[in-house]
C-alpha atoms as a PDB file:
ATOM      1  CA  MET A   1     105.908 167.545  60.586  1.00  0.00           C
ATOM      2  CA  SER A   2     108.034 164.435  60.131  1.00  0.00           C
ATOM      3  CA  ALA A   3     108.542 161.930  62.937  1.00  0.00           C
ATOM      4  CA  LYS A   4     112.261 162.700  62.895  1.00  0.00           C
ATOM      5  CA  ALA A   5     111.660 166.417  63.503  1.00  0.00           C
ATOM      6  CA  ARG A   6     109.153 165.656  66.249  1.00  0.00           C
ATOM      7  CA  PHE A   7     111.659 163.459  68.107  1.00  0.00           C
ATOM      8  CA  LEU A   8     114.461 165.998  67.777  1.00  0.00           C
ATOM      9  CA  ASP A   9     112.274 168.701  69.367  1.00  0.00           C
ATOM     10  CA  LEU A  10     111.784 166.681  72.557  1.00  0.00           C
ATOM     11  CA  PRO A  11     115.063 166.094  74.367  1.00  0.00           C
ATOM     12  CA  GLY A  12     115.253 162.953  76.440  1.00  0.00           C
ATOM     13  CA  PRO A  13     116.785 162.621  79.883  1.00  0.00           C
ATOM     14  CA  ARG A  14     120.538 163.120  80.015  1.00  0.00           C
ATOM     15  CA  ALA A  15     122.604 160.790  82.163  1.00  0.00           C
ATOM     16  CA  GLU A  16     125.007 162.560  84.469  1.00  0.00           C
ATOM     17  CA  GLN A  17     128.665 161.935  83.652  1.00  0.00           C
ATOM     18  CA  ARG A  18     130.678 160.520  86.556  1.00  0.00           C
ATOM     19  CA  PRO A  19     134.076 159.488  85.181  1.00  0.00           C
ATOM     20  CA  VAL A  20     135.511 156.199  86.406  1.00  0.00           C
ATOM     21  CA  VAL A  21     139.130 155.499  85.443  1.00  0.00           C
ATOM     22  CA  SER A  22     140.309 151.916  85.059  1.00  0.00           C
ATOM     23  CA  THR A  23     143.631 150.571  83.846  1.00  0.00           C
ATOM     24  CA  LEU A  24     143.975 147.042  82.530  1.00  0.00           C
ATOM     25  CA  HIS A  25     147.016 145.600  80.760  1.00  0.00           C
ATOM     26  CA  GLY A  26     148.572 149.043  80.536  1.00  0.00           C
ATOM     27  CA  HIS A  27     145.558 150.629  78.860  1.00  0.00           C
ATOM     28  CA  THR A  28     143.653 153.332  80.710  1.00  0.00           C
ATOM     29  CA  ARG A  29     139.988 153.765  80.020  1.00  0.00           C
ATOM     30  CA  ILE A  30     137.614 156.458  81.245  1.00  0.00           C
ATOM     31  CA  ASP A  31     133.943 155.525  81.442  1.00  0.00           C
ATOM     32  CA  GLU A  32     131.681 158.480  82.187  1.00  0.00           C
ATOM     33  CA  TYR A  33     128.636 156.250  82.484  1.00  0.00           C
ATOM     34  CA  ALA A  34     129.949 153.354  84.584  1.00  0.00           C
ATOM     35  CA  TRP A  35     127.646 154.427  87.409  1.00  0.00           C
ATOM     36  CA  LEU A  36     124.678 153.278  85.296  1.00  0.00           C
ATOM     37  CA  ARG A  37     125.766 149.658  85.807  1.00  0.00           C
ATOM     38  CA  ALA A  38     124.384 148.159  88.999  1.00  0.00           C
ATOM     39  CA  ASP A  39     127.118 145.946  90.428  1.00  0.00           C
ATOM     40  CA  ASN A  40     124.489 144.351  92.667  1.00  0.00           C
ATOM     41  CA  TRP A  41     122.211 143.465  89.732  1.00  0.00           C
ATOM     42  CA  GLN A  42     121.508 139.973  91.054  1.00  0.00           C
ATOM     43  CA  ASP A  43     120.309 141.411  94.370  1.00  0.00           C
ATOM     44  CA  VAL A  44     118.205 143.954  92.455  1.00  0.00           C
ATOM     45  CA  LEU A  45     116.478 141.137  90.553  1.00  0.00           C
ATOM     46  CA  ARG A  46     115.437 139.584  93.868  1.00  0.00           C
ATOM     47  CA  ASP A  47     114.625 142.888  95.598  1.00  0.00           C
ATOM     48  CA  PRO A  48     114.274 145.969  93.332  1.00  0.00           C
ATOM     49  CA  SER A  49     114.285 148.287  96.362  1.00  0.00           C
ATOM     50  CA  VAL A  50     118.069 147.835  96.724  1.00  0.00           C
ATOM     51  CA  LEU A  51     118.770 149.609  93.409  1.00  0.00           C
ATOM     52  CA  ASP A  52     120.788 152.813  93.770  1.00  0.00           C
ATOM     53  CA  PRO A  53     118.209 155.656  94.009  1.00  0.00           C
ATOM     54  CA  ALA A  54     120.088 157.811  91.453  1.00  0.00           C
ATOM     55  CA  LEU A  55     120.111 154.951  88.960  1.00  0.00           C
ATOM     56  CA  ARG A  56     116.418 154.234  89.596  1.00  0.00           C
ATOM     57  CA  GLU A  57     115.566 157.913  89.059  1.00  0.00           C
ATOM     58  CA  HIS A  58     117.411 157.965  85.720  1.00  0.00           C
ATOM     59  CA  LEU A  59     115.819 154.716  84.513  1.00  0.00           C
ATOM     60  CA  GLU A  60     112.354 155.948  85.467  1.00  0.00           C
ATOM     61  CA  ALA A  61     112.987 159.214  83.589  1.00  0.00           C
ATOM     62  CA  GLU A  62     114.061 157.249  80.495  1.00  0.00           C
ATOM     63  CA  ASN A  63     111.008 154.997  80.739  1.00  0.00           C
ATOM     64  CA  ALA A  64     108.683 157.997  81.111  1.00  0.00           C
ATOM     65  CA  PHE A  65     110.313 159.652  78.082  1.00  0.00           C
ATOM     66  CA  VAL A  66     109.776 156.543  75.941  1.00  0.00           C
ATOM     67  CA  GLU A  67     106.167 156.263  77.135  1.00  0.00           C
ATOM     68  CA  ARG A  68     105.523 159.865  76.069  1.00  0.00           C
ATOM     69  CA  GLN A  69     107.235 159.359  72.708  1.00  0.00           C
ATOM     70  CA  MET A  70     105.380 156.133  71.969  1.00  0.00           C
ATOM     71  CA  ALA A  71     101.980 157.128  73.382  1.00  0.00           C
ATOM     72  CA  ASP A  72     100.407 157.561  69.952  1.00  0.00           C
ATOM     73  CA  THR A  73     101.337 153.959  69.057  1.00  0.00           C
ATOM     74  CA  ALA A  74      99.849 152.309  72.169  1.00  0.00           C
ATOM     75  CA  ASP A  75      96.896 150.751  70.306  1.00  0.00           C
ATOM     76  CA  LEU A  76      99.158 149.499  67.520  1.00  0.00           C
ATOM     77  CA  GLN A  77     101.574 147.982  70.063  1.00  0.00           C
ATOM     78  CA  LYS A  78      98.719 146.115  71.737  1.00  0.00           C
ATOM     79  CA  ALA A  79      97.403 144.852  68.387  1.00  0.00           C
ATOM     80  CA  LEU A  80     100.869 143.677  67.269  1.00  0.00           C
ATOM     81  CA  PHE A  81     101.520 141.979  70.608  1.00  0.00           C
ATOM     82  CA  ALA A  82      98.170 140.183  70.464  1.00  0.00           C
ATOM     83  CA  GLU A  83      98.848 139.071  66.878  1.00  0.00           C
ATOM     84  CA  MET A  84     102.298 137.714  67.774  1.00  0.00           C
ATOM     85  CA  ARG A  85     100.964 135.893  70.848  1.00  0.00           C
ATOM     86  CA  GLY A  86      98.189 134.426  68.697  1.00  0.00           C
ATOM     87  CA  ARG A  87     100.753 132.805  66.389  1.00  0.00           C
ATOM     88  CA  ILE A  88     102.736 131.143  69.182  1.00  0.00           C
ATOM     89  CA  LYS A  89     101.897 127.729  70.548  1.00  0.00           C
ATOM     90  CA  GLU A  90     102.267 128.651  74.223  1.00  0.00           C
ATOM     91  CA  ASP A  91     102.501 125.168  75.687  1.00  0.00           C
ATOM     92  CA  ASP A  92     105.085 123.832  73.228  1.00  0.00           C
ATOM     93  CA  SER A  93     107.906 121.514  74.264  1.00  0.00           C
ATOM     94  CA  SER A  94     110.841 119.686  72.724  1.00  0.00           C
ATOM     95  CA  ILE A  95     111.475 115.970  72.737  1.00  0.00           C
ATOM     96  CA  PRO A  96     113.985 115.302  75.532  1.00  0.00           C
ATOM     97  CA  MET A  97     117.498 114.632  74.217  1.00  0.00           C
ATOM     98  CA  LYS A  98     119.325 111.730  75.871  1.00  0.00           C
ATOM     99  CA  ASP A  99     122.787 112.462  77.252  1.00  0.00           C
ATOM    100  CA  GLY A 100     124.328 110.051  79.710  1.00  0.00           C
ATOM    101  CA  PRO A 101     122.025 109.218  82.618  1.00  0.00           C
ATOM    102  CA  TYR A 102     119.788 112.255  81.915  1.00  0.00           C
ATOM    103  CA  ALA A 103     117.508 113.652  79.226  1.00  0.00           C
ATOM    104  CA  TYR A 104     117.407 117.391  78.546  1.00  0.00           C
ATOM    105  CA  GLY A 105     114.677 119.478  76.989  1.00  0.00           C
ATOM    106  CA  VAL A 106     112.833 122.764  76.714  1.00  0.00           C
ATOM    107  CA  ASP A 107     109.203 123.581  77.303  1.00  0.00           C
ATOM    108  CA  PHE A 108     107.020 126.655  77.466  1.00  0.00           C
ATOM    109  CA  GLN A 109     104.385 127.298  80.112  1.00  0.00           C
ATOM    110  CA  GLU A 110     101.111 128.834  78.950  1.00  0.00           C
ATOM    111  CA  GLY A 111     101.165 132.567  79.731  1.00  0.00           C
ATOM    112  CA  GLY A 112     104.932 132.487  80.323  1.00  0.00           C
ATOM    113  CA  GLU A 113     107.426 134.679  78.534  1.00  0.00           C
ATOM    114  CA  HIS A 114     110.535 132.495  78.612  1.00  0.00           C
ATOM    115  CA  PRO A 115     111.391 128.879  77.895  1.00  0.00           C
ATOM    116  CA  ARG A 116     111.930 126.474  80.766  1.00  0.00           C
ATOM    117  CA  TYR A 117     114.913 124.151  80.449  1.00  0.00           C
ATOM    118  CA  PHE A 118     114.732 120.827  82.199  1.00  0.00           C
ATOM    119  CA  ARG A 119     116.778 117.728  82.985  1.00  0.00           C
ATOM    120  CA  THR A 120     115.215 114.430  83.984  1.00  0.00           C
ATOM    121  CA  PRO A 121     116.757 111.040  84.829  1.00  0.00           C
ATOM    122  CA  ARG A 122     116.449 108.634  81.884  1.00  0.00           C
ATOM    123  CA  ASP A 123     115.648 105.707  84.152  1.00  0.00           C
ATOM    124  CA  GLY A 124     112.912 107.490  86.115  1.00  0.00           C
ATOM    125  CA  GLY A 125     113.042 109.075  89.553  1.00  0.00           C
ATOM    126  CA  GLU A 126     113.206 112.718  90.537  1.00  0.00           C
END
Protein backbone atom coordinates (compact mmCIF):
# COMPACT_ATOMS: atom_id res chain seq x y z
CA MET A 1 0.00 0.00 0.00
CA SER A 2 1.36 3.43 -0.88
CA ALA A 3 1.90 6.11 1.76
CA LYS A 4 -0.67 8.29 0.00
CA ALA A 5 -3.37 5.61 0.27
CA ARG A 6 -2.50 4.96 3.91
CA PHE A 7 -2.91 8.65 4.80
CA LEU A 8 -6.20 8.96 2.93
CA ASP A 9 -7.65 6.03 4.90
CA LEU A 10 -7.09 7.77 8.24
CA PRO A 11 -9.11 10.96 8.52
CA GLY A 12 -7.65 13.64 10.74
CA PRO A 13 -9.54 15.81 13.19
CA ARG A 14 -11.99 18.24 11.61
CA ALA A 15 -12.17 21.76 12.97
CA GLU A 16 -15.68 22.93 13.73
CA GLN A 17 -16.87 25.78 11.51
CA ARG A 18 -18.00 28.86 13.43
CA PRO A 19 -18.53 31.64 10.88
CA VAL A 20 -17.30 35.11 11.82
CA VAL A 21 -18.36 37.94 9.50
CA SER A 22 -16.16 41.01 9.17
CA THR A 23 -16.48 43.98 6.84
CA LEU A 24 -13.51 46.17 6.03
CA HIS A 25 -13.39 48.87 3.34
CA GLY A 26 -16.73 47.72 1.98
CA HIS A 27 -15.65 44.10 1.56
CA THR A 28 -17.36 41.44 3.64
CA ARG A 29 -15.45 38.34 4.55
CA ILE A 30 -16.66 35.18 6.28
CA ASP A 31 -14.06 33.18 8.18
CA GLU A 32 -15.34 29.82 9.40
CA TYR A 33 -12.14 29.13 11.30
CA ALA A 34 -11.47 32.47 13.01
CA TRP A 35 -12.12 30.81 16.37
CA LEU A 36 -8.85 28.88 15.93
CA ARG A 37 -6.91 32.13 16.44
CA ALA A 38 -6.26 32.89 20.09
CA ASP A 39 -6.62 36.64 20.50
CA ASN A 40 -4.86 36.33 23.86
CA TRP A 41 -1.85 34.52 22.35
CA GLN A 42 0.65 36.60 24.34
CA ASP A 43 -1.06 35.62 27.60
CA VAL A 44 -1.10 31.99 26.44
CA LEU A 45 2.67 32.08 25.90
CA ARG A 46 3.13 33.15 29.52
CA ASP A 47 0.43 30.86 30.94
CA PRO A 48 -0.83 28.06 28.63
CA SER A 49 -3.73 27.32 30.99
CA VAL A 50 -5.57 30.44 29.74
CA LEU A 51 -6.01 28.98 26.24
CA ASP A 52 -9.64 28.47 25.23
CA PRO A 53 -10.48 24.83 26.15
CA ALA A 54 -12.13 24.16 22.75
CA LEU A 55 -9.04 25.41 20.93
CA ARG A 56 -6.76 23.36 23.19
CA GLU A 57 -8.86 20.23 22.56
CA HIS A 58 -8.61 20.71 18.78
CA LEU A 59 -4.86 21.36 18.86
CA GLU A 60 -4.28 18.29 21.03
CA ALA A 61 -6.35 16.18 18.62
CA GLU A 62 -4.27 17.46 15.68
CA ASN A 63 -1.03 16.76 17.54
CA ALA A 64 -2.17 13.24 18.44
CA PHE A 65 -3.14 12.60 14.81
CA VAL A 66 0.31 13.69 13.58
CA GLU A 67 2.00 11.55 16.24
CA ARG A 68 0.06 8.50 15.05
CA GLN A 69 0.80 9.24 11.39
CA MET A 70 4.50 9.79 12.00
CA ALA A 71 5.05 7.04 14.58
CA ASP A 72 6.88 4.78 12.15
CA THR A 73 9.42 7.55 11.46
CA ALA A 74 10.28 8.31 15.11
CA ASP A 75 13.75 6.72 14.95
CA LEU A 76 14.53 8.47 11.67
CA GLN A 77 13.40 11.83 13.11
CA LYS A 78 15.70 11.38 16.10
CA ALA A 79 18.64 10.41 13.87
CA LEU A 80 18.08 13.40 11.54
CA PHE A 81 17.73 15.79 14.48
CA ALA A 82 20.93 14.49 16.06
CA GLU A 83 22.77 14.82 12.73
CA MET A 84 21.59 18.41 12.23
CA ARG A 85 22.50 19.38 15.80
CA GLY A 86 25.92 17.78 15.30
CA ARG A 87 26.64 20.11 12.37
CA ILE A 88 25.75 23.31 14.23
CA LYS A 89 28.24 25.24 16.30
CA GLU A 90 25.95 25.82 19.28
CA ASP A 91 27.88 28.60 20.98
CA ASP A 92 28.43 30.72 17.87
CA SER A 93 28.25 34.51 17.90
CA SER A 94 28.63 37.44 15.53
CA ILE A 95 31.07 40.29 15.80
CA PRO A 96 29.15 43.23 17.30
CA MET A 97 28.26 45.88 14.70
CA LYS A 98 28.83 49.48 15.80
CA ASP A 99 25.88 51.85 15.43
CA GLY A 100 25.92 55.13 17.30
CA PRO A 101 26.68 54.72 21.00
CA TYR A 102 25.87 50.97 20.91
CA ALA A 103 27.08 47.76 19.30
CA TYR A 104 24.59 45.10 18.20
CA GLY A 105 25.09 41.40 17.70
CA VAL A 106 23.72 37.88 17.78
CA ASP A 107 24.84 34.87 19.75
CA PHE A 108 23.64 31.35 20.40
CA GLN A 109 23.57 29.68 23.81
CA GLU A 110 24.63 26.04 23.96
CA GLY A 111 21.50 23.86 24.10
CA GLY A 112 19.30 26.78 23.01
CA GLU A 113 16.99 26.73 20.03
CA HIS A 114 16.93 30.41 19.07
CA PRO A 115 19.46 33.18 18.58
CA ARG A 116 19.87 35.83 21.25
CA TYR A 117 20.13 39.41 20.01
CA PHE A 118 22.05 41.86 22.12
CA ARG A 119 22.98 45.53 22.38
CA THR A 120 25.91 46.77 24.42
CA PRO A 121 27.30 50.28 24.99
CA ARG A 122 30.40 50.88 22.84
CA ASP A 123 32.16 52.75 25.63
CA GLY A 124 31.55 50.11 28.30
CA GLY A 125 28.98 50.03 31.08
CA GLU A 126 25.78 48.04 31.36
